[in-house]
Amino acid sequence: MFFVNGAAIGVWVAQIPFVQHRFDLAKSTLGLILLTMSIGVIVALPIMGQAVVRLGSARAVRLGGVACCLMVPLPLLAPEPYLLPFALLAFGAAGAAMDVSMNAHGSAIEGRLGRPIMSSLHAGWSFGGFAGAAGVAAATAAGADPRLQNSVAAALLLLLVAVCVTSLGPGSATAAGESFRLPSRAVVLMAVLCFLTMVTEGAMADWGGVYLRGDLGASAGLAAATFAAFAAGMTVGRLTGDRINQQIGPARLLRGGSALAAIALGTMLVLADPIVALAGLALVGVGVANGVPLLFSAAGAGGVETSGPSIAAVSSMGSLGFLVGPPFIGFLAEATSLPLALTSLCVATAAVAVLAPRVTGRARRPEPELAVR
C-alpha cells in the first residue's frame, strides 16, 4: 500500500513538466495551481484522522487506497487550465487520506513487533515513487500520450490495491468515544521537523524536473527522470534505515541524513550541470529518506491512546509541507530565480540537522494484538 501511494505521486510529479508546457504556465501560475493540492490535504486530513479513530486503520487504508488510485488520471484529463486546480484538489485529498491511514496502520504494526520497521515501509513508498516516475519517463521517451499513461497507471494501481487489502492484518483499534486532544510540545517539535523535511521532498519532486529542463537545458526525457533519481536515493536510504537506526539511534540518523541533504543540494546548485544535478538529487533523496519514518515512529511511540492523534498531527504538518513547498518555491523563483529559490531548502534541511537531537524516538514495548472492527 505504501508502494501504491508513492507510485501515484510519482506518476503525477513526472508529468508536471508536460502540464506546464501543455498550458504554457508561468512558474508563479504553476506554483499557485499546485497550491490547490494543499487545500485538498487541509480538508482531508482532519476528516481522515477521525475516520482512522472510528473505523480502525485497516479499513481506513482500504478506503483511502481506492480513492487515491481513482484520482490519478484527473489532472492529466483536465481539458482546460482552469479545471486543473479542481482535479488537483481531489487528488490531494485522496492522497492525504491514504497517507494518514497507512502510517497509522504501520505504526500499530511496529508497536506490536517492538522493533523499527517504518523506514522499510516508507521504502515501499519510495520504490513506488521511483517506479511510477520511471514508468512515465520510459513511456514519454517512447512517445505515449501522457493522458493514456496516467489512466493505465491508475488501473494497475487499483488492481494492486484490490490484491493487498485482503492481507492488511489488524491495525489500530477503533475508539468512537475518543475526544480531541492538543498535541504535546514534543509532538509539535516532531511536526515542525516533519514539515521542514517534507517541504524539501515536495520541492525536489515538483521542481527538480523543471530545474533541469528550464535552467540547465536538459532534454525532456532526462527532466522526466529527475524524480526517479530522487526517489531511487530515498529507496536506498530507507531500505538501510532500520538497520542503521538500531546501530546509531534515530537522533544521529536524522541529523546525519539532513546534513547530507543540505550539502548535496548546495553542491548541485553551485555546479549547475544536468548529470551532477541527477546525482545530487539522488543524494538529497538518501539524506531525507529516513526523516519522515523516524518522526512518525517517534510520534506513535506513546501507545494506542495517543499514537493516533500524534501521528495525525505530525502527518498533517508533513503533508502540508510536501504540498506547500512547491508553490512557495514557485513564487520565490518568479521573484528571483529557481536556483536561488531552491537554495532555501538548504536552510530547511540544515535546521532539521540542528534540531534532530531533541527527538528521542525511544523504542517502545510490543503492544498486544489490536482488534479491527
Protein backbone atom coordinates (compact mmCIF):
# COMPACT_ATOMS: atom_id res chain seq x y z
CA MET A 1 0.00 0.00 0.00
CA PHE A 2 2.92 2.35 0.64
CA PHE A 3 4.16 1.45 -2.85
CA VAL A 4 0.77 2.36 -4.35
CA ASN A 5 0.70 5.75 -2.67
CA GLY A 6 4.26 6.52 -3.74
CA ALA A 7 3.60 5.41 -7.30
CA ALA A 8 0.52 7.62 -7.55
CA ILE A 9 2.58 10.66 -6.51
CA GLY A 10 5.48 9.63 -8.76
CA VAL A 11 3.26 9.33 -11.81
CA TRP A 12 1.85 12.81 -11.22
CA VAL A 13 5.06 14.71 -10.48
CA ALA A 14 6.79 13.19 -13.52
CA GLN A 15 4.03 14.75 -15.64
CA ILE A 16 4.37 18.28 -14.20
CA PRO A 17 6.79 19.44 -16.96
CA PHE A 18 4.25 18.19 -19.55
CA VAL A 19 1.39 20.04 -17.84
CA GLN A 20 3.41 23.26 -17.65
CA HIS A 21 4.34 23.02 -21.33
CA ARG A 22 0.83 21.99 -22.43
CA PHE A 23 -0.87 25.02 -20.90
CA ASP A 24 2.16 27.35 -21.21
CA LEU A 25 2.07 28.14 -17.48
CA ALA A 26 4.39 30.66 -15.84
CA LYS A 27 6.29 29.41 -12.81
CA SER A 28 4.21 31.51 -10.45
CA THR A 29 0.98 30.28 -12.04
CA LEU A 30 2.13 26.69 -11.82
CA GLY A 31 3.02 27.22 -8.17
CA LEU A 32 -0.43 28.66 -7.47
CA ILE A 33 -2.13 25.73 -9.18
CA LEU A 34 -0.03 23.26 -7.18
CA LEU A 35 -1.24 25.03 -4.04
CA THR A 36 -4.71 23.59 -4.62
CA MET A 37 -3.34 20.18 -3.68
CA SER A 38 -2.54 21.69 -0.29
CA ILE A 39 -6.14 22.78 0.08
CA GLY A 40 -7.26 19.22 -0.62
CA VAL A 41 -4.85 17.96 2.04
CA ILE A 42 -6.05 20.51 4.60
CA VAL A 43 -9.65 19.47 4.03
CA ALA A 44 -8.97 15.73 4.06
CA LEU A 45 -6.56 15.37 6.99
CA PRO A 46 -8.91 16.15 9.91
CA ILE A 47 -11.69 14.12 8.32
CA MET A 48 -9.44 11.11 7.76
CA GLY A 49 -7.91 11.48 11.21
CA GLN A 50 -11.35 10.95 12.71
CA ALA A 51 -12.05 8.17 10.22
CA VAL A 52 -8.97 6.27 11.42
CA VAL A 53 -10.18 6.58 15.01
CA ARG A 54 -13.73 5.49 14.22
CA LEU A 55 -13.10 2.87 11.54
CA GLY A 56 -9.72 1.48 12.56
CA SER A 57 -6.61 1.92 10.44
CA ALA A 58 -7.07 -1.15 8.23
CA ARG A 59 -10.50 -0.14 6.98
CA ALA A 60 -9.35 3.46 6.53
CA VAL A 61 -6.39 2.26 4.41
CA ARG A 62 -8.79 0.40 2.11
CA LEU A 63 -10.97 3.46 1.57
CA GLY A 64 -8.03 5.82 1.09
CA GLY A 65 -6.23 3.47 -1.28
CA VAL A 66 -9.16 3.12 -3.66
CA ALA A 67 -9.83 6.87 -3.66
CA CYS A 68 -6.17 7.69 -4.34
CA CYS A 69 -5.97 5.37 -7.36
CA LEU A 70 -9.16 6.72 -8.86
CA MET A 71 -7.84 10.29 -8.73
CA VAL A 72 -4.53 9.62 -10.54
CA PRO A 73 -5.76 10.36 -14.12
CA LEU A 74 -7.75 13.52 -13.27
CA PRO A 75 -5.00 16.19 -13.54
CA LEU A 76 -3.94 14.94 -16.97
CA LEU A 77 -7.53 14.70 -18.23
CA ALA A 78 -8.33 18.36 -17.47
CA PRO A 79 -9.12 19.91 -20.90
CA GLU A 80 -8.59 23.50 -19.75
CA PRO A 81 -6.14 25.01 -17.25
CA TYR A 82 -8.93 26.36 -15.03
CA LEU A 83 -10.09 22.78 -14.39
CA LEU A 84 -6.63 21.62 -13.31
CA PRO A 85 -6.92 23.04 -9.75
CA PHE A 86 -10.13 21.12 -9.12
CA ALA A 87 -8.52 17.88 -10.27
CA LEU A 88 -5.51 18.52 -8.02
CA LEU A 89 -7.83 19.35 -5.12
CA ALA A 90 -9.44 15.91 -5.37
CA PHE A 91 -6.11 14.17 -5.93
CA GLY A 92 -4.53 15.88 -2.91
CA ALA A 93 -7.46 14.95 -0.66
CA ALA A 94 -7.39 11.30 -1.73
CA GLY A 95 -3.61 11.03 -1.36
CA ALA A 96 -3.73 12.59 2.11
CA ALA A 97 -6.48 10.23 3.20
CA MET A 98 -4.39 7.24 2.22
CA ASP A 99 -1.22 8.72 3.74
CA VAL A 100 -2.67 9.24 7.23
CA SER A 101 -4.35 5.87 7.40
CA MET A 102 -1.41 3.79 6.13
CA ASN A 103 1.02 5.46 8.56
CA ALA A 104 -1.33 4.83 11.48
CA HIS A 105 -1.58 1.21 10.37
CA GLY A 106 2.19 0.87 10.05
CA SER A 107 2.71 2.42 13.49
CA ALA A 108 0.33 -0.11 15.05
CA ILE A 109 2.25 -2.98 13.45
CA GLU A 110 5.59 -1.52 14.59
CA GLY A 111 4.25 -1.27 18.14
CA ARG A 112 3.37 -4.95 18.21
CA LEU A 113 6.74 -6.01 16.78
CA GLY A 114 8.80 -3.89 19.15
CA ARG A 115 11.47 -3.03 16.54
CA PRO A 116 11.87 -0.33 13.86
CA ILE A 117 10.04 -1.02 10.60
CA MET A 118 8.81 2.41 9.48
CA SER A 119 11.84 3.10 7.28
CA SER A 120 11.23 -0.18 5.48
CA LEU A 121 7.57 0.67 4.99
CA HIS A 122 8.47 4.08 3.63
CA ALA A 123 11.00 2.38 1.37
CA GLY A 124 7.95 0.85 -0.27
CA TRP A 125 6.64 4.39 -0.83
CA SER A 126 9.96 5.49 -2.31
CA PHE A 127 10.16 2.46 -4.55
CA GLY A 128 6.64 3.22 -5.70
CA GLY A 129 7.62 6.81 -6.48
CA PHE A 130 10.65 5.59 -8.40
CA ALA A 131 8.61 3.02 -10.34
CA GLY A 132 5.86 5.49 -11.17
CA ALA A 133 8.22 8.23 -12.33
CA ALA A 134 10.48 5.81 -14.20
CA GLY A 135 7.46 4.34 -15.96
CA VAL A 136 6.36 7.79 -17.08
CA ALA A 137 9.89 8.64 -18.23
CA ALA A 138 10.06 5.45 -20.31
CA ALA A 139 6.59 5.94 -21.77
CA THR A 140 7.34 9.59 -22.57
CA ALA A 141 10.55 8.62 -24.34
CA ALA A 142 8.52 6.07 -26.34
CA GLY A 143 6.05 8.77 -27.37
CA ALA A 144 3.00 7.53 -25.43
CA ASP A 145 0.26 10.06 -24.73
CA PRO A 146 0.58 11.28 -21.10
CA ARG A 147 -3.18 11.01 -20.51
CA LEU A 148 -3.12 7.39 -21.55
CA GLN A 149 -0.08 6.81 -19.33
CA ASN A 150 -1.88 8.01 -16.19
CA SER A 151 -5.07 6.13 -16.99
CA VAL A 152 -3.18 2.87 -17.38
CA ALA A 153 -1.21 3.57 -14.22
CA ALA A 154 -4.42 4.16 -12.26
CA ALA A 155 -5.87 0.84 -13.41
CA LEU A 156 -2.73 -1.07 -12.47
CA LEU A 157 -2.50 0.55 -9.05
CA LEU A 158 -6.18 -0.10 -8.35
CA LEU A 159 -5.62 -3.77 -9.19
CA LEU A 160 -2.69 -3.87 -6.77
CA VAL A 161 -4.85 -2.33 -4.04
CA ALA A 162 -7.50 -4.99 -4.61
CA VAL A 163 -4.87 -7.69 -4.08
CA CYS A 164 -3.35 -6.06 -0.98
CA VAL A 165 -6.47 -5.19 1.00
CA THR A 166 -7.16 -8.84 1.77
CA SER A 167 -3.85 -9.18 3.66
CA LEU A 168 -3.50 -5.95 5.62
CA GLY A 169 -3.85 -7.64 9.00
CA PRO A 170 -5.03 -5.95 12.21
CA GLY A 171 -4.13 -2.33 12.81
CA SER A 172 -5.20 0.31 15.27
CA ALA A 173 -8.39 -0.32 17.20
CA THR A 174 -11.49 1.80 16.86
CA ALA A 175 -12.26 4.34 19.55
CA ALA A 176 -15.55 6.01 18.77
CA GLY A 177 -15.62 7.92 22.04
CA GLU A 178 -12.13 9.38 21.76
CA SER A 179 -12.12 13.17 22.22
CA PHE A 180 -9.87 15.74 20.58
CA ARG A 181 -6.51 16.37 22.26
CA LEU A 182 -3.99 19.15 21.79
CA PRO A 183 -0.55 17.83 20.81
CA SER A 184 2.27 17.96 23.36
CA ARG A 185 5.37 20.13 22.89
CA ALA A 186 7.33 17.08 21.79
CA VAL A 187 4.76 16.29 19.12
CA VAL A 188 4.78 19.93 17.97
CA LEU A 189 8.56 19.74 17.51
CA MET A 190 8.22 16.49 15.56
CA ALA A 191 5.57 18.15 13.40
CA VAL A 192 7.84 21.13 12.67
CA LEU A 193 10.74 18.88 11.70
CA CYS A 194 8.43 16.78 9.54
CA PHE A 195 7.17 19.96 7.86
CA LEU A 196 10.71 21.10 7.02
CA THR A 197 11.71 17.65 5.78
CA MET A 198 8.70 17.29 3.54
CA VAL A 199 8.99 20.84 2.22
CA THR A 200 12.28 19.63 0.79
CA GLU A 201 10.75 16.39 -0.51
CA GLY A 202 7.86 18.17 -2.18
CA ALA A 203 10.01 20.86 -3.75
CA MET A 204 12.52 18.35 -5.11
CA ALA A 205 9.69 16.25 -6.50
CA ASP A 206 7.86 19.06 -8.26
CA TRP A 207 10.68 21.41 -9.29
CA GLY A 208 13.56 19.03 -9.96
CA GLY A 209 12.41 18.33 -13.50
CA VAL A 210 11.58 21.99 -14.15
CA TYR A 211 15.05 23.00 -12.91
CA LEU A 212 16.83 20.56 -15.25
CA ARG A 213 14.64 21.38 -18.25
CA GLY A 214 14.34 25.14 -17.89
CA ASP A 215 17.54 26.19 -16.12
CA LEU A 216 20.06 23.55 -17.17
CA GLY A 217 18.70 22.84 -20.67
CA ALA A 218 18.25 19.09 -20.19
CA SER A 219 16.14 17.03 -22.59
CA ALA A 220 12.52 16.17 -21.87
CA GLY A 221 13.41 12.54 -21.15
CA LEU A 222 16.15 13.50 -18.72
CA ALA A 223 13.87 16.02 -17.00
CA ALA A 224 11.20 13.36 -16.56
CA ALA A 225 13.79 11.10 -14.92
CA THR A 226 14.70 13.56 -12.15
CA PHE A 227 12.09 12.38 -9.68
CA ALA A 228 13.10 8.80 -10.43
CA ALA A 229 16.66 9.66 -9.36
CA PHE A 230 15.41 11.39 -6.22
CA ALA A 231 13.08 8.51 -5.35
CA ALA A 232 15.84 5.96 -6.02
CA GLY A 233 18.03 7.71 -3.45
CA MET A 234 15.19 7.69 -0.95
CA THR A 235 14.61 4.00 -1.57
CA VAL A 236 18.26 3.15 -0.82
CA GLY A 237 18.21 5.27 2.33
CA ARG A 238 15.03 3.70 3.63
CA LEU A 239 15.99 0.12 2.84
CA THR A 240 19.01 0.55 5.11
CA GLY A 241 17.40 2.95 7.58
CA ASP A 242 16.01 0.48 10.12
CA ARG A 243 19.37 -1.28 10.44
CA ILE A 244 21.27 1.99 10.86
CA ASN A 245 18.64 3.18 13.33
CA GLN A 246 19.30 0.17 15.56
CA GLN A 247 23.06 0.83 15.43
CA ILE A 248 23.36 4.60 15.97
CA GLY A 249 19.90 5.68 17.13
CA PRO A 250 17.22 7.82 15.49
CA ALA A 251 18.60 11.24 16.50
CA ARG A 252 22.00 10.66 14.90
CA LEU A 253 20.41 9.14 11.82
CA LEU A 254 18.10 12.13 11.42
CA ARG A 255 20.93 14.64 11.94
CA GLY A 256 23.38 12.93 9.57
CA GLY A 257 20.80 12.47 6.83
CA SER A 258 19.62 16.07 6.95
CA ALA A 259 23.21 17.36 6.84
CA LEU A 260 23.91 15.18 3.79
CA ALA A 261 20.82 16.58 2.03
CA ALA A 262 21.90 20.18 2.68
CA ILE A 263 25.42 19.59 1.38
CA ALA A 264 24.30 17.64 -1.72
CA LEU A 265 21.68 20.22 -2.65
CA GLY A 266 24.09 23.11 -2.27
CA THR A 267 26.73 21.37 -4.37
CA MET A 268 24.19 20.56 -7.09
CA LEU A 269 23.09 24.18 -7.36
CA VAL A 270 26.65 25.55 -7.42
CA LEU A 271 27.91 23.22 -10.18
CA ALA A 272 24.72 23.59 -12.30
CA ASP A 273 25.28 20.56 -14.54
CA PRO A 274 22.43 18.17 -15.55
CA ILE A 275 24.33 14.96 -14.75
CA VAL A 276 25.66 16.36 -11.48
CA ALA A 277 22.12 17.51 -10.68
CA LEU A 278 20.78 13.98 -11.12
CA ALA A 279 23.47 12.64 -8.79
CA GLY A 280 22.75 15.46 -6.33
CA LEU A 281 19.03 14.69 -6.36
CA ALA A 282 19.80 11.06 -5.57
CA LEU A 283 21.97 12.11 -2.59
CA VAL A 284 19.31 14.51 -1.37
CA GLY A 285 16.91 11.58 -1.51
CA VAL A 286 19.27 9.47 0.61
CA GLY A 287 19.62 12.31 3.10
CA VAL A 288 15.92 13.00 3.68
CA ALA A 289 14.86 9.36 3.31
CA ASN A 290 14.54 8.47 6.98
CA GLY A 291 13.29 11.79 8.32
CA VAL A 292 9.58 11.11 7.90
CA PRO A 293 9.56 7.46 9.09
CA LEU A 294 11.69 8.35 12.13
CA LEU A 295 9.35 11.18 13.08
CA PHE A 296 6.21 9.11 12.52
CA SER A 297 7.70 6.32 14.61
CA ALA A 298 8.54 8.74 17.43
CA ALA A 299 5.04 10.24 17.27
CA GLY A 300 3.40 6.82 17.51
CA ALA A 301 5.57 5.57 20.37
CA GLY A 302 3.09 6.57 23.07
CA GLY A 303 0.77 3.61 22.62
CA VAL A 304 -2.77 3.18 21.35
CA GLU A 305 -4.21 6.02 23.45
CA THR A 306 -2.00 8.77 22.00
CA SER A 307 -0.46 7.43 18.80
CA GLY A 308 -3.43 8.23 16.58
CA PRO A 309 -3.69 11.95 17.41
CA SER A 310 0.11 12.34 17.44
CA ILE A 311 0.57 10.70 14.04
CA ALA A 312 -2.28 12.78 12.66
CA ALA A 313 -0.59 15.99 13.87
CA VAL A 314 2.84 15.07 12.50
CA SER A 315 1.42 13.68 9.28
CA SER A 316 -0.75 16.77 8.81
CA MET A 317 2.24 19.10 9.07
CA GLY A 318 4.36 16.81 6.92
CA SER A 319 1.78 16.54 4.18
CA LEU A 320 1.22 20.27 4.32
CA GLY A 321 4.95 20.85 3.93
CA PHE A 322 5.09 18.45 0.99
CA LEU A 323 2.44 20.46 -0.81
CA VAL A 324 3.19 23.99 0.40
CA GLY A 325 6.87 23.66 -0.53
CA PRO A 326 6.34 23.58 -4.32
CA PRO A 327 4.16 26.71 -4.58
CA PHE A 328 6.49 28.55 -2.19
CA ILE A 329 9.43 27.68 -4.44
CA GLY A 330 7.39 28.78 -7.46
CA PHE A 331 6.61 32.22 -6.06
CA LEU A 332 10.18 32.69 -4.85
CA ALA A 333 11.54 31.55 -8.23
CA GLU A 334 9.32 34.04 -10.04
CA ALA A 335 10.60 36.85 -7.82
CA THR A 336 14.28 35.80 -8.04
CA SER A 337 15.35 32.62 -9.87
CA LEU A 338 14.68 28.92 -9.45
CA PRO A 339 18.25 28.05 -8.35
CA LEU A 340 18.12 30.77 -5.70
CA ALA A 341 14.68 29.58 -4.57
CA LEU A 342 15.96 26.02 -4.20
CA THR A 343 18.78 27.33 -2.01
CA SER A 344 16.17 27.96 0.71
CA LEU A 345 15.86 24.19 1.03
CA CYS A 346 19.46 24.04 2.23
CA VAL A 347 18.36 26.17 5.17
CA ALA A 348 15.41 23.87 5.89
CA THR A 349 17.47 20.68 5.92
CA ALA A 350 20.21 22.34 7.99
CA ALA A 351 17.59 23.35 10.57
CA VAL A 352 16.40 19.73 10.84
CA ALA A 353 20.01 18.62 11.40
CA VAL A 354 20.41 21.12 14.24
CA LEU A 355 17.13 20.22 15.97
CA ALA A 356 17.32 16.45 15.41
CA PRO A 357 18.89 15.57 18.81
CA ARG A 358 15.73 16.79 20.56
CA VAL A 359 13.76 13.92 19.03
CA THR A 360 14.11 10.92 21.34
CA GLY A 361 12.40 8.23 19.29
CA ARG A 362 12.82 5.63 22.02
CA ALA A 363 11.94 2.05 21.17
CA ARG A 364 8.55 1.12 22.51
CA ARG A 365 7.35 -2.06 24.08
CA PRO A 366 5.46 -4.54 21.92
CA GLU A 367 1.75 -3.91 22.05
CA PRO A 368 -0.92 -6.59 22.27
CA GLU A 369 -2.83 -7.60 19.18
CA LEU A 370 -5.29 -4.87 18.23
CA ALA A 371 -8.73 -5.72 17.01
CA VAL A 372 -10.15 -4.30 13.79
CA ARG A 373 -13.87 -3.76 13.72
